[in-house]
Amino acid sequence: MSPTRDDHPAAERSLAEINADIRCLFARAEGRLCDAERIRHASLLQEWAAAIRASVVPAA
């Protein structure tokens, strides 16, 4: 069975929104993240990766 679009649920937020949050996180922290910010960054990266996977259209 080949993967379908339904196998990868649509991301709740766009890649641009997630990327903007990542950029803001680093801007507020002036490039140096505390432990809580590192946890938030890891969460944003996971969300970003899921959004990337959801945006991929399988080849025919």
N, C-alpha and C. Protein backbone atom coordinates (compact mmCIF):
# COMPACT_ATOMS: atom_id res chain seq x y z
N MET A 1 0.85 -1.18 0.00
CA MET A 1 0.00 0.00 0.00
C MET A 1 0.89 1.24 0.00
N SER A 2 0.63 2.14 -0.89
CA SER A 2 1.45 3.34 -0.97
C SER A 2 0.91 4.40 -0.01
N PRO A 3 1.81 5.27 0.48
CA PRO A 3 1.36 6.31 1.41
C PRO A 3 0.42 7.28 0.73
N THR A 4 -0.53 7.75 1.47
CA THR A 4 -1.45 8.76 0.96
C THR A 4 -1.31 10.03 1.77
N ARG A 5 -1.93 11.06 1.33
CA ARG A 5 -1.89 12.34 2.02
C ARG A 5 -2.46 12.20 3.44
N ASP A 6 -3.42 11.26 3.63
CA ASP A 6 -4.03 11.06 4.94
C ASP A 6 -3.07 10.43 5.94
N ASP A 7 -2.00 9.77 5.45
CA ASP A 7 -1.01 9.17 6.34
C ASP A 7 -0.23 10.23 7.10
N HIS A 8 -0.20 11.44 6.58
CA HIS A 8 0.53 12.54 7.20
C HIS A 8 -0.46 13.67 7.45
N PRO A 9 -1.00 13.76 8.66
CA PRO A 9 -1.99 14.81 8.93
C PRO A 9 -1.41 16.20 8.70
N ALA A 10 -2.25 17.10 8.28
CA ALA A 10 -1.82 18.47 8.01
C ALA A 10 -1.30 19.13 9.28
N ALA A 11 -0.27 19.92 9.12
CA ALA A 11 0.30 20.65 10.25
C ALA A 11 -0.72 21.68 10.74
N GLU A 12 -0.73 21.89 12.04
CA GLU A 12 -1.65 22.87 12.59
C GLU A 12 -1.19 24.29 12.27
N ARG A 13 0.14 24.48 12.23
CA ARG A 13 0.69 25.80 11.93
C ARG A 13 1.59 25.69 10.71
N SER A 14 1.73 26.78 10.01
CA SER A 14 2.56 26.78 8.81
C SER A 14 4.04 26.77 9.18
N LEU A 15 4.85 26.36 8.24
CA LEU A 15 6.30 26.38 8.43
C LEU A 15 6.78 27.79 8.74
N ALA A 16 6.20 28.77 8.09
CA ALA A 16 6.60 30.16 8.32
C ALA A 16 6.31 30.60 9.76
N GLU A 17 5.17 30.18 10.30
CA GLU A 17 4.84 30.54 11.68
C GLU A 17 5.81 29.90 12.66
N ILE A 18 6.10 28.62 12.44
CA ILE A 18 7.02 27.92 13.33
C ILE A 18 8.41 28.53 13.23
N ASN A 19 8.85 28.81 12.01
CA ASN A 19 10.17 29.41 11.81
C ASN A 19 10.25 30.77 12.49
N ALA A 20 9.18 31.54 12.41
CA ALA A 20 9.17 32.86 13.06
C ALA A 20 9.31 32.71 14.58
N ASP A 21 8.64 31.70 15.15
CA ASP A 21 8.77 31.45 16.59
C ASP A 21 10.20 31.09 16.96
N ILE A 22 10.85 30.26 16.14
CA ILE A 22 12.24 29.88 16.40
C ILE A 22 13.14 31.10 16.35
N ARG A 23 12.95 31.93 15.34
CA ARG A 23 13.77 33.15 15.21
C ARG A 23 13.56 34.10 16.39
N CYS A 24 12.31 34.25 16.79
CA CYS A 24 12.01 35.13 17.93
C CYS A 24 12.63 34.60 19.22
N LEU A 25 12.59 33.29 19.39
CA LEU A 25 13.18 32.69 20.58
C LEU A 25 14.66 33.05 20.67
N PHE A 26 15.38 32.90 19.56
CA PHE A 26 16.80 33.22 19.57
C PHE A 26 17.05 34.72 19.68
N ALA A 27 16.19 35.52 19.08
CA ALA A 27 16.37 36.97 19.18
C ALA A 27 16.19 37.45 20.62
N ARG A 28 15.16 36.94 21.29
CA ARG A 28 14.92 37.32 22.69
C ARG A 28 16.06 36.86 23.59
N ALA A 29 16.61 35.69 23.29
CA ALA A 29 17.67 35.12 24.13
C ALA A 29 19.05 35.62 23.71
N GLU A 30 19.10 36.45 22.70
CA GLU A 30 20.35 36.96 22.16
C GLU A 30 21.32 35.82 21.82
N GLY A 31 20.74 34.73 21.28
CA GLY A 31 21.54 33.61 20.82
C GLY A 31 21.98 32.63 21.89
N ARG A 32 21.68 32.91 23.16
CA ARG A 32 22.08 32.02 24.26
C ARG A 32 20.83 31.56 24.98
N LEU A 33 20.51 30.29 24.82
CA LEU A 33 19.28 29.76 25.39
C LEU A 33 19.50 29.18 26.79
N CYS A 34 18.57 29.49 27.70
CA CYS A 34 18.58 28.84 29.01
C CYS A 34 17.93 27.47 28.86
N ASP A 35 17.89 26.70 29.93
CA ASP A 35 17.34 25.35 29.85
C ASP A 35 15.89 25.33 29.36
N ALA A 36 15.07 26.21 29.88
CA ALA A 36 13.67 26.26 29.47
C ALA A 36 13.54 26.62 27.99
N GLU A 37 14.38 27.54 27.54
CA GLU A 37 14.35 27.94 26.13
C GLU A 37 14.85 26.80 25.23
N ARG A 38 15.80 26.02 25.71
CA ARG A 38 16.27 24.87 24.93
C ARG A 38 15.16 23.84 24.77
N ILE A 39 14.39 23.65 25.83
CA ILE A 39 13.26 22.73 25.75
C ILE A 39 12.24 23.24 24.74
N ARG A 40 11.95 24.53 24.81
CA ARG A 40 11.01 25.14 23.85
C ARG A 40 11.55 25.01 22.43
N HIS A 41 12.85 25.24 22.24
CA HIS A 41 13.46 25.13 20.92
C HIS A 41 13.33 23.71 20.40
N ALA A 42 13.59 22.72 21.24
CA ALA A 42 13.46 21.32 20.82
C ALA A 42 12.02 21.01 20.40
N SER A 43 11.07 21.54 21.14
CA SER A 43 9.66 21.34 20.80
C SER A 43 9.32 21.98 19.46
N LEU A 44 9.83 23.19 19.25
CA LEU A 44 9.59 23.87 17.97
C LEU A 44 10.23 23.11 16.82
N LEU A 45 11.41 22.55 17.04
CA LEU A 45 12.06 21.77 15.98
C LEU A 45 11.25 20.52 15.64
N GLN A 46 10.68 19.88 16.65
CA GLN A 46 9.84 18.72 16.39
C GLN A 46 8.59 19.12 15.61
N GLU A 47 8.00 20.24 15.98
CA GLU A 47 6.83 20.74 15.27
C GLU A 47 7.18 21.08 13.83
N TRP A 48 8.35 21.71 13.64
CA TRP A 48 8.81 22.09 12.30
C TRP A 48 9.03 20.85 11.44
N ALA A 49 9.67 19.82 12.02
CA ALA A 49 9.92 18.58 11.27
C ALA A 49 8.61 17.91 10.88
N ALA A 50 7.63 17.91 11.78
CA ALA A 50 6.32 17.33 11.47
C ALA A 50 5.64 18.11 10.35
N ALA A 51 5.77 19.42 10.37
CA ALA A 51 5.18 20.25 9.32
C ALA A 51 5.86 19.98 7.98
N ILE A 52 7.17 19.78 8.00
CA ILE A 52 7.89 19.43 6.76
C ILE A 52 7.37 18.11 6.21
N ARG A 53 7.29 17.10 7.10
CA ARG A 53 6.80 15.78 6.66
C ARG A 53 5.38 15.89 6.10
N ALA A 54 4.54 16.68 6.72
CA ALA A 54 3.16 16.83 6.27
C ALA A 54 3.07 17.54 4.93
N SER A 55 4.08 18.35 4.61
CA SER A 55 4.03 19.12 3.36
C SER A 55 4.58 18.34 2.16
N VAL A 56 5.21 17.20 2.43
CA VAL A 56 5.79 16.41 1.34
C VAL A 56 4.69 15.64 0.62
N VAL A 57 4.69 15.77 -0.70
CA VAL A 57 3.74 15.03 -1.51
C VAL A 57 4.45 13.82 -2.08
N PRO A 58 3.95 12.61 -1.80
CA PRO A 58 4.61 11.40 -2.30
C PRO A 58 4.64 11.38 -3.84
N ALA A 59 5.71 10.82 -4.36
CA ALA A 59 5.82 10.69 -5.82
C ALA A 59 4.80 9.67 -6.31
N ALA A 60 4.37 9.88 -7.51
CA ALA A 60 3.37 8.97 -8.11
C ALA A 60 3.99 7.66 -8.48
